[in-house]
Amino acid sequence: MGIRNVLHSKPGQIIISVLLGLGLSTLFRKVCNNRSCIIFKAAPLDKVKDQIFKFGDKCYKYKLDAEKCSKNKKTLNYA
């Protein structure tokens, strides 16, 4: 009878709801294996090119700078 009293009390209902919500969220969460689901997002280049941005007390100007690939640098593939 102790479990029925817990289920029918307001705090017991809240605890059961939280536990069920956590259980459902684990079923539908996105799984990321081997860092394969990292998404890189950035503003379009035409919107930030030659623009001045303020961050904190400093101002920055975005400049596109192409660089040659090197065997010593790590390659990061993304789609």
PDB file of N, CA and C in Angstrom:
ATOM      1  N   MET A   1       0.806  -1.204   0.000  1.00  0.00           N
ATOM      2  CA  MET A   1       0.000   0.000   0.000  1.00  0.00           C
ATOM      3  C   MET A   1       0.847   1.265   0.000  1.00  0.00           C
ATOM      4  N   GLY A   2       2.108   1.189   0.379  1.00  0.00           N
ATOM      5  CA  GLY A   2       2.966   2.354   0.425  1.00  0.00           C
ATOM      6  C   GLY A   2       3.221   2.928  -0.958  1.00  0.00           C
ATOM      7  N   ILE A   3       3.353   2.064  -1.962  1.00  0.00           N
ATOM      8  CA  ILE A   3       3.613   2.532  -3.324  1.00  0.00           C
ATOM      9  C   ILE A   3       2.386   3.248  -3.878  1.00  0.00           C
ATOM     10  N   ARG A   4       1.202   2.740  -3.584  1.00  0.00           N
ATOM     11  CA  ARG A   4      -0.023   3.399  -4.065  1.00  0.00           C
ATOM     12  C   ARG A   4      -0.163   4.797  -3.464  1.00  0.00           C
ATOM     13  N   ASN A   5       0.199   4.940  -2.224  1.00  0.00           N
ATOM     14  CA  ASN A   5       0.125   6.258  -1.591  1.00  0.00           C
ATOM     15  C   ASN A   5       1.088   7.229  -2.262  1.00  0.00           C
ATOM     16  N   VAL A   6       2.278   6.732  -2.639  1.00  0.00           N
ATOM     17  CA  VAL A   6       3.258   7.584  -3.315  1.00  0.00           C
ATOM     18  C   VAL A   6       2.751   7.965  -4.702  1.00  0.00           C
ATOM     19  N   LEU A   7       2.165   7.014  -5.429  1.00  0.00           N
ATOM     20  CA  LEU A   7       1.676   7.282  -6.784  1.00  0.00           C
ATOM     21  C   LEU A   7       0.523   8.275  -6.800  1.00  0.00           C
ATOM     22  N   HIS A   8      -0.288   8.267  -5.781  1.00  0.00           N
ATOM     23  CA  HIS A   8      -1.459   9.139  -5.760  1.00  0.00           C
ATOM     24  C   HIS A   8      -1.204  10.478  -5.067  1.00  0.00           C
ATOM     25  N   SER A   9      -0.029  10.660  -4.503  1.00  0.00           N
ATOM     26  CA  SER A   9       0.280  11.953  -3.897  1.00  0.00           C
ATOM     27  C   SER A   9       0.862  12.884  -4.963  1.00  0.00           C
ATOM     28  N   LYS A  10       0.747  14.171  -4.767  1.00  0.00           N
ATOM     29  CA  LYS A  10       1.236  15.165  -5.731  1.00  0.00           C
ATOM     30  C   LYS A  10       2.755  15.076  -5.912  1.00  0.00           C
ATOM     31  N   PRO A  11       3.564  15.021  -4.839  1.00  0.00           N
ATOM     32  CA  PRO A  11       5.014  14.877  -5.037  1.00  0.00           C
ATOM     33  C   PRO A  11       5.379  13.562  -5.731  1.00  0.00           C
ATOM     34  N   GLY A  12       4.654  12.499  -5.423  1.00  0.00           N
ATOM     35  CA  GLY A  12       4.912  11.211  -6.066  1.00  0.00           C
ATOM     36  C   GLY A  12       4.631  11.263  -7.555  1.00  0.00           C
ATOM     37  N   GLN A  13       3.570  11.946  -7.950  1.00  0.00           N
ATOM     38  CA  GLN A  13       3.243  12.092  -9.371  1.00  0.00           C
ATOM     39  C   GLN A  13       4.317  12.893 -10.098  1.00  0.00           C
ATOM     40  N   ILE A  14       4.839  13.906  -9.449  1.00  0.00           N
ATOM     41  CA  ILE A  14       5.897  14.717 -10.066  1.00  0.00           C
ATOM     42  C   ILE A  14       7.159  13.878 -10.256  1.00  0.00           C
ATOM     43  N   ILE A  15       7.521  13.101  -9.243  1.00  0.00           N
ATOM     44  CA  ILE A  15       8.722  12.266  -9.338  1.00  0.00           C
ATOM     45  C   ILE A  15       8.561  11.223 -10.439  1.00  0.00           C
ATOM     46  N   ILE A  16       7.408  10.577 -10.503  1.00  0.00           N
ATOM     47  CA  ILE A  16       7.157   9.578 -11.551  1.00  0.00           C
ATOM     48  C   ILE A  16       7.180  10.237 -12.923  1.00  0.00           C
ATOM     49  N   SER A  17       6.616  11.426 -13.061  1.00  0.00           N
ATOM     50  CA  SER A  17       6.630  12.139 -14.340  1.00  0.00           C
ATOM     51  C   SER A  17       8.048  12.469 -14.777  1.00  0.00           C
ATOM     52  N   VAL A  18       8.876  12.907 -13.837  1.00  0.00           N
ATOM     53  CA  VAL A  18      10.271  13.219 -14.162  1.00  0.00           C
ATOM     54  C   VAL A  18      11.002  11.956 -14.603  1.00  0.00           C
ATOM     55  N   LEU A  19      10.811  10.866 -13.890  1.00  0.00           N
ATOM     56  CA  LEU A  19      11.473   9.608 -14.259  1.00  0.00           C
ATOM     57  C   LEU A  19      11.019   9.117 -15.632  1.00  0.00           C
ATOM     58  N   LEU A  20       9.741   9.194 -15.919  1.00  0.00           N
ATOM     59  CA  LEU A  20       9.245   8.787 -17.238  1.00  0.00           C
ATOM     60  C   LEU A  20       9.764   9.715 -18.329  1.00  0.00           C
ATOM     61  N   GLY A  21       9.838  11.001 -18.048  1.00  0.00           N
ATOM     62  CA  GLY A  21      10.370  11.952 -19.024  1.00  0.00           C
ATOM     63  C   GLY A  21      11.831  11.696 -19.330  1.00  0.00           C
ATOM     64  N   LEU A  22      12.624  11.419 -18.307  1.00  0.00           N
ATOM     65  CA  LEU A  22      14.037  11.096 -18.526  1.00  0.00           C
ATOM     66  C   LEU A  22      14.184   9.796 -19.309  1.00  0.00           C
ATOM     67  N   GLY A  23      13.336   8.825 -19.019  1.00  0.00           N
ATOM     68  CA  GLY A  23      13.382   7.565 -19.757  1.00  0.00           C
ATOM     69  C   GLY A  23      13.046   7.754 -21.222  1.00  0.00           C
ATOM     70  N   LEU A  24      12.023   8.545 -21.511  1.00  0.00           N
ATOM     71  CA  LEU A  24      11.658   8.812 -22.907  1.00  0.00           C
ATOM     72  C   LEU A  24      12.730   9.619 -23.617  1.00  0.00           C
ATOM     73  N   SER A  25      13.332  10.550 -22.915  1.00  0.00           N
ATOM     74  CA  SER A  25      14.363  11.367 -23.562  1.00  0.00           C
ATOM     75  C   SER A  25      15.589  10.534 -23.925  1.00  0.00           C
ATOM     76  N   THR A  26      15.895   9.504 -23.151  1.00  0.00           N
ATOM     77  CA  THR A  26      17.023   8.645 -23.512  1.00  0.00           C
ATOM     78  C   THR A  26      16.703   7.792 -24.725  1.00  0.00           C
ATOM     79  N   LEU A  27      15.449   7.495 -24.953  1.00  0.00           N
ATOM     80  CA  LEU A  27      15.076   6.726 -26.146  1.00  0.00           C
ATOM     81  C   LEU A  27      15.228   7.545 -27.416  1.00  0.00           C
ATOM     82  N   PHE A  28      14.952   8.835 -27.349  1.00  0.00           N
ATOM     83  CA  PHE A  28      14.919   9.673 -28.544  1.00  0.00           C
ATOM     84  C   PHE A  28      16.109  10.611 -28.680  1.00  0.00           C
ATOM     85  N   ARG A  29      17.123  10.454 -27.865  1.00  0.00           N
ATOM     86  CA  ARG A  29      18.268  11.357 -27.968  1.00  0.00           C
ATOM     87  C   ARG A  29      19.117  11.014 -29.183  1.00  0.00           C
ATOM     88  N   LYS A  30      19.811  12.001 -29.690  1.00  0.00           N
ATOM     89  CA  LYS A  30      20.678  11.811 -30.844  1.00  0.00           C
ATOM     90  C   LYS A  30      21.993  11.202 -30.373  1.00  0.00           C
ATOM     91  N   VAL A  31      22.395  10.138 -31.029  1.00  0.00           N
ATOM     92  CA  VAL A  31      23.623   9.449 -30.650  1.00  0.00           C
ATOM     93  C   VAL A  31      24.753   9.945 -31.535  1.00  0.00           C
ATOM     94  N   CYS A  32      25.858  10.281 -30.929  1.00  0.00           N
ATOM     95  CA  CYS A  32      27.025  10.768 -31.656  1.00  0.00           C
ATOM     96  C   CYS A  32      28.170   9.796 -31.421  1.00  0.00           C
ATOM     97  N   ASN A  33      28.532   9.058 -32.453  1.00  0.00           N
ATOM     98  CA  ASN A  33      29.633   8.106 -32.348  1.00  0.00           C
ATOM     99  C   ASN A  33      30.865   8.656 -33.047  1.00  0.00           C
ATOM    100  N   ASN A  34      32.008   8.505 -32.416  1.00  0.00           N
ATOM    101  CA  ASN A  34      33.292   8.895 -33.005  1.00  0.00           C
ATOM    102  C   ASN A  34      33.309  10.340 -33.479  1.00  0.00           C
ATOM    103  N   ARG A  35      32.642  11.210 -32.791  1.00  0.00           N
ATOM    104  CA  ARG A  35      32.602  12.639 -33.134  1.00  0.00           C
ATOM    105  C   ARG A  35      32.132  12.869 -34.568  1.00  0.00           C
ATOM    106  N   SER A  36      31.318  11.937 -35.095  1.00  0.00           N
ATOM    107  CA  SER A  36      30.887  12.041 -36.484  1.00  0.00           C
ATOM    108  C   SER A  36      29.701  12.979 -36.667  1.00  0.00           C
ATOM    109  N   CYS A  37      29.093  13.418 -35.603  1.00  0.00           N
ATOM    110  CA  CYS A  37      27.911  14.266 -35.754  1.00  0.00           C
ATOM    111  C   CYS A  37      28.173  15.704 -35.318  1.00  0.00           C
ATOM    112  N   ILE A  38      29.411  16.124 -35.292  1.00  0.00           N
ATOM    113  CA  ILE A  38      29.729  17.508 -34.961  1.00  0.00           C
ATOM    114  C   ILE A  38      29.369  18.374 -36.159  1.00  0.00           C
ATOM    115  N   ILE A  39      28.608  19.421 -35.927  1.00  0.00           N
ATOM    116  CA  ILE A  39      28.154  20.299 -36.996  1.00  0.00           C
ATOM    117  C   ILE A  39      28.830  21.653 -36.827  1.00  0.00           C
ATOM    118  N   PHE A  40      29.480  22.099 -37.879  1.00  0.00           N
ATOM    119  CA  PHE A  40      30.121  23.410 -37.879  1.00  0.00           C
ATOM    120  C   PHE A  40      29.199  24.384 -38.593  1.00  0.00           C
ATOM    121  N   LYS A  41      28.823  25.450 -37.922  1.00  0.00           N
ATOM    122  CA  LYS A  41      27.951  26.453 -38.521  1.00  0.00           C
ATOM    123  C   LYS A  41      28.671  27.792 -38.511  1.00  0.00           C
ATOM    124  N   ALA A  42      28.543  28.489 -39.602  1.00  0.00           N
ATOM    125  CA  ALA A  42      29.163  29.811 -39.700  1.00  0.00           C
ATOM    126  C   ALA A  42      28.292  30.680 -40.593  1.00  0.00           C
ATOM    127  N   ALA A  43      28.489  31.962 -40.499  1.00  0.00           N
ATOM    128  CA  ALA A  43      27.763  32.897 -41.357  1.00  0.00           C
ATOM    129  C   ALA A  43      28.282  32.762 -42.788  1.00  0.00           C
ATOM    130  N   PRO A  44      27.440  33.053 -43.776  1.00  0.00           N
ATOM    131  CA  PRO A  44      27.909  33.018 -45.168  1.00  0.00           C
ATOM    132  C   PRO A  44      29.059  34.002 -45.367  1.00  0.00           C
ATOM    133  N   LEU A  45      30.032  33.600 -46.177  1.00  0.00           N
ATOM    134  CA  LEU A  45      31.225  34.428 -46.372  1.00  0.00           C
ATOM    135  C   LEU A  45      30.896  35.801 -46.937  1.00  0.00           C
ATOM    136  N   ASP A  46      29.900  35.888 -47.819  1.00  0.00           N
ATOM    137  CA  ASP A  46      29.589  37.186 -48.421  1.00  0.00           C
ATOM    138  C   ASP A  46      29.005  38.170 -47.406  1.00  0.00           C
ATOM    139  N   LYS A  47      28.464  37.667 -46.303  1.00  0.00           N
ATOM    140  CA  LYS A  47      27.911  38.562 -45.280  1.00  0.00           C
ATOM    141  C   LYS A  47      28.969  39.059 -44.298  1.00  0.00           C
ATOM    142  N   VAL A  48      30.054  38.315 -44.130  1.00  0.00           N
ATOM    143  CA  VAL A  48      31.066  38.717 -43.155  1.00  0.00           C
ATOM    144  C   VAL A  48      32.333  39.265 -43.797  1.00  0.00           C
ATOM    145  N   LYS A  49      32.473  39.101 -45.099  1.00  0.00           N
ATOM    146  CA  LYS A  49      33.680  39.557 -45.785  1.00  0.00           C
ATOM    147  C   LYS A  49      33.790  41.078 -45.693  1.00  0.00           C
ATOM    148  N   ASP A  50      34.945  41.545 -45.270  1.00  0.00           N
ATOM    149  CA  ASP A  50      35.261  42.969 -45.142  1.00  0.00           C
ATOM    150  C   ASP A  50      34.335  43.712 -44.182  1.00  0.00           C
ATOM    151  N   GLN A  51      33.733  43.019 -43.239  1.00  0.00           N
ATOM    152  CA  GLN A  51      32.902  43.645 -42.215  1.00  0.00           C
ATOM    153  C   GLN A  51      33.724  43.778 -40.935  1.00  0.00           C
ATOM    154  N   ILE A  52      33.362  44.745 -40.110  1.00  0.00           N
ATOM    155  CA  ILE A  52      34.040  44.957 -38.834  1.00  0.00           C
ATOM    156  C   ILE A  52      33.087  44.527 -37.720  1.00  0.00           C
ATOM    157  N   PHE A  53      33.600  43.691 -36.804  1.00  0.00           N
ATOM    158  CA  PHE A  53      32.796  43.157 -35.718  1.00  0.00           C
ATOM    159  C   PHE A  53      33.426  43.541 -34.390  1.00  0.00           C
ATOM    160  N   LYS A  54      32.576  43.866 -33.422  1.00  0.00           N
ATOM    161  CA  LYS A  54      33.065  44.214 -32.094  1.00  0.00           C
ATOM    162  C   LYS A  54      32.795  43.046 -31.160  1.00  0.00           C
ATOM    163  N   PHE A  55      33.824  42.613 -30.459  1.00  0.00           N
ATOM    164  CA  PHE A  55      33.707  41.547 -29.472  1.00  0.00           C
ATOM    165  C   PHE A  55      34.412  42.021 -28.212  1.00  0.00           C
ATOM    166  N   GLY A  56      33.642  42.263 -27.187  1.00  0.00           N
ATOM    167  CA  GLY A  56      34.222  42.828 -25.968  1.00  0.00           C
ATOM    168  C   GLY A  56      34.620  44.269 -26.222  1.00  0.00           C
ATOM    169  N   ASP A  57      35.856  44.592 -25.933  1.00  0.00           N
ATOM    170  CA  ASP A  57      36.355  45.950 -26.152  1.00  0.00           C
ATOM    171  C   ASP A  57      37.154  46.080 -27.439  1.00  0.00           C
ATOM    172  N   LYS A  58      37.260  45.003 -28.206  1.00  0.00           N
ATOM    173  CA  LYS A  58      38.075  45.029 -29.418  1.00  0.00           C
ATOM    174  C   LYS A  58      37.207  44.882 -30.657  1.00  0.00           C
ATOM    175  N   CYS A  59      37.703  45.436 -31.763  1.00  0.00           N
ATOM    176  CA  CYS A  59      37.041  45.308 -33.055  1.00  0.00           C
ATOM    177  C   CYS A  59      37.891  44.405 -33.946  1.00  0.00           C
ATOM    178  N   TYR A  60      37.207  43.572 -34.732  1.00  0.00           N
ATOM    179  CA  TYR A  60      37.883  42.625 -35.607  1.00  0.00           C
ATOM    180  C   TYR A  60      37.339  42.753 -37.016  1.00  0.00           C
ATOM    181  N   LYS A  61      38.213  42.532 -37.989  1.00  0.00           N
ATOM    182  CA  LYS A  61      37.811  42.538 -39.388  1.00  0.00           C
ATOM    183  C   LYS A  61      38.092  41.156 -39.953  1.00  0.00           C
ATOM    184  N   TYR A  62      37.067  40.541 -40.533  1.00  0.00           N
ATOM    185  CA  TYR A  62      37.205  39.206 -41.095  1.00  0.00           C
ATOM    186  C   TYR A  62      37.925  39.293 -42.423  1.00  0.00           C
ATOM    187  N   LYS A  63      38.928  38.445 -42.584  1.00  0.00           N
ATOM    188  CA  LYS A  63      39.687  38.418 -43.823  1.00  0.00           C
ATOM    189  C   LYS A  63      39.847  36.962 -44.253  1.00  0.00           C
ATOM    190  N   LEU A  64      39.484  36.668 -45.506  1.00  0.00           N
ATOM    191  CA  LEU A  64      39.623  35.324 -46.040  1.00  0.00           C
ATOM    192  C   LEU A  64      41.086  35.077 -46.372  1.00  0.00           C
ATOM    193  N   ASP A  65      41.628  33.995 -45.851  1.00  0.00           N
ATOM    194  CA  ASP A  65      43.039  33.686 -46.053  1.00  0.00           C
ATOM    195  C   ASP A  65      43.169  32.207 -46.404  1.00  0.00           C
ATOM    196  N   ALA A  66      43.445  31.901 -47.671  1.00  0.00           N
ATOM    197  CA  ALA A  66      43.620  30.518 -48.105  1.00  0.00           C
ATOM    198  C   ALA A  66      45.011  30.037 -47.723  1.00  0.00           C
ATOM    199  N   GLU A  67      45.086  28.775 -47.360  1.00  0.00           N
ATOM    200  CA  GLU A  67      46.356  28.217 -46.928  1.00  0.00           C
ATOM    201  C   GLU A  67      46.541  26.850 -47.568  1.00  0.00           C
ATOM    202  N   LYS A  68      47.774  26.524 -47.926  1.00  0.00           N
ATOM    203  CA  LYS A  68      48.061  25.235 -48.550  1.00  0.00           C
ATOM    204  C   LYS A  68      47.985  24.124 -47.510  1.00  0.00           C
ATOM    205  N   CYS A  69      47.592  22.946 -47.980  1.00  0.00           N
ATOM    206  CA  CYS A  69      47.520  21.785 -47.096  1.00  0.00           C
ATOM    207  C   CYS A  69      48.926  21.289 -46.779  1.00  0.00           C
ATOM    208  N   SER A  70      49.085  20.753 -45.608  1.00  0.00           N
ATOM    209  CA  SER A  70      50.378  20.258 -45.170  1.00  0.00           C
ATOM    210  C   SER A  70      50.185  18.910 -44.487  1.00  0.00           C
ATOM    211  N   LYS A  71      51.157  18.041 -44.613  1.00  0.00           N
ATOM    212  CA  LYS A  71      51.085  16.722 -43.968  1.00  0.00           C
ATOM    213  C   LYS A  71      51.164  16.855 -42.447  1.00  0.00           C
ATOM    214  N   ASN A  72      51.753  17.946 -41.968  1.00  0.00           N
ATOM    215  CA  ASN A  72      51.908  18.150 -40.531  1.00  0.00           C
ATOM    216  C   ASN A  72      50.628  18.633 -39.860  1.00  0.00           C
ATOM    217  N   LYS A  73      49.668  19.108 -40.657  1.00  0.00           N
ATOM    218  CA  LYS A  73      48.426  19.626 -40.094  1.00  0.00           C
ATOM    219  C   LYS A  73      47.337  18.566 -40.179  1.00  0.00           C
ATOM    220  N   LYS A  74      46.469  18.583 -39.218  1.00  0.00           N
ATOM    221  CA  LYS A  74      45.377  17.631 -39.177  1.00  0.00           C
ATOM    222  C   LYS A  74      44.274  18.079 -40.130  1.00  0.00           C
ATOM    223  N   THR A  75      43.730  17.143 -40.907  1.00  0.00           N
ATOM    224  CA  THR A  75      42.649  17.434 -41.836  1.00  0.00           C
ATOM    225  C   THR A  75      41.327  17.144 -41.153  1.00  0.00           C
ATOM    226  N   LEU A  76      40.416  18.079 -41.238  1.00  0.00           N
ATOM    227  CA  LEU A  76      39.097  17.933 -40.648  1.00  0.00           C
ATOM    228  C   LEU A  76      38.087  17.883 -41.772  1.00  0.00           C
ATOM    229  N   ASN A  77      37.460  16.728 -41.966  1.00  0.00           N
ATOM    230  CA  ASN A  77      36.464  16.564 -43.023  1.00  0.00           C
ATOM    231  C   ASN A  77      35.082  16.869 -42.461  1.00  0.00           C
ATOM    232  N   TYR A  78      34.337  17.644 -43.179  1.00  0.00           N
ATOM    233  CA  TYR A  78      32.959  17.917 -42.794  1.00  0.00           C
ATOM    234  C   TYR A  78      32.139  18.132 -44.050  1.00  0.00           C
ATOM    235  N   ALA A  79      30.836  17.902 -43.917  1.00  0.00           N
ATOM    236  CA  ALA A  79      29.966  18.005 -45.089  1.00  0.00           C
ATOM    237  C   ALA A  79      29.189  19.286 -45.090  1.00  0.00           C
TER     238      ALA A  79
END
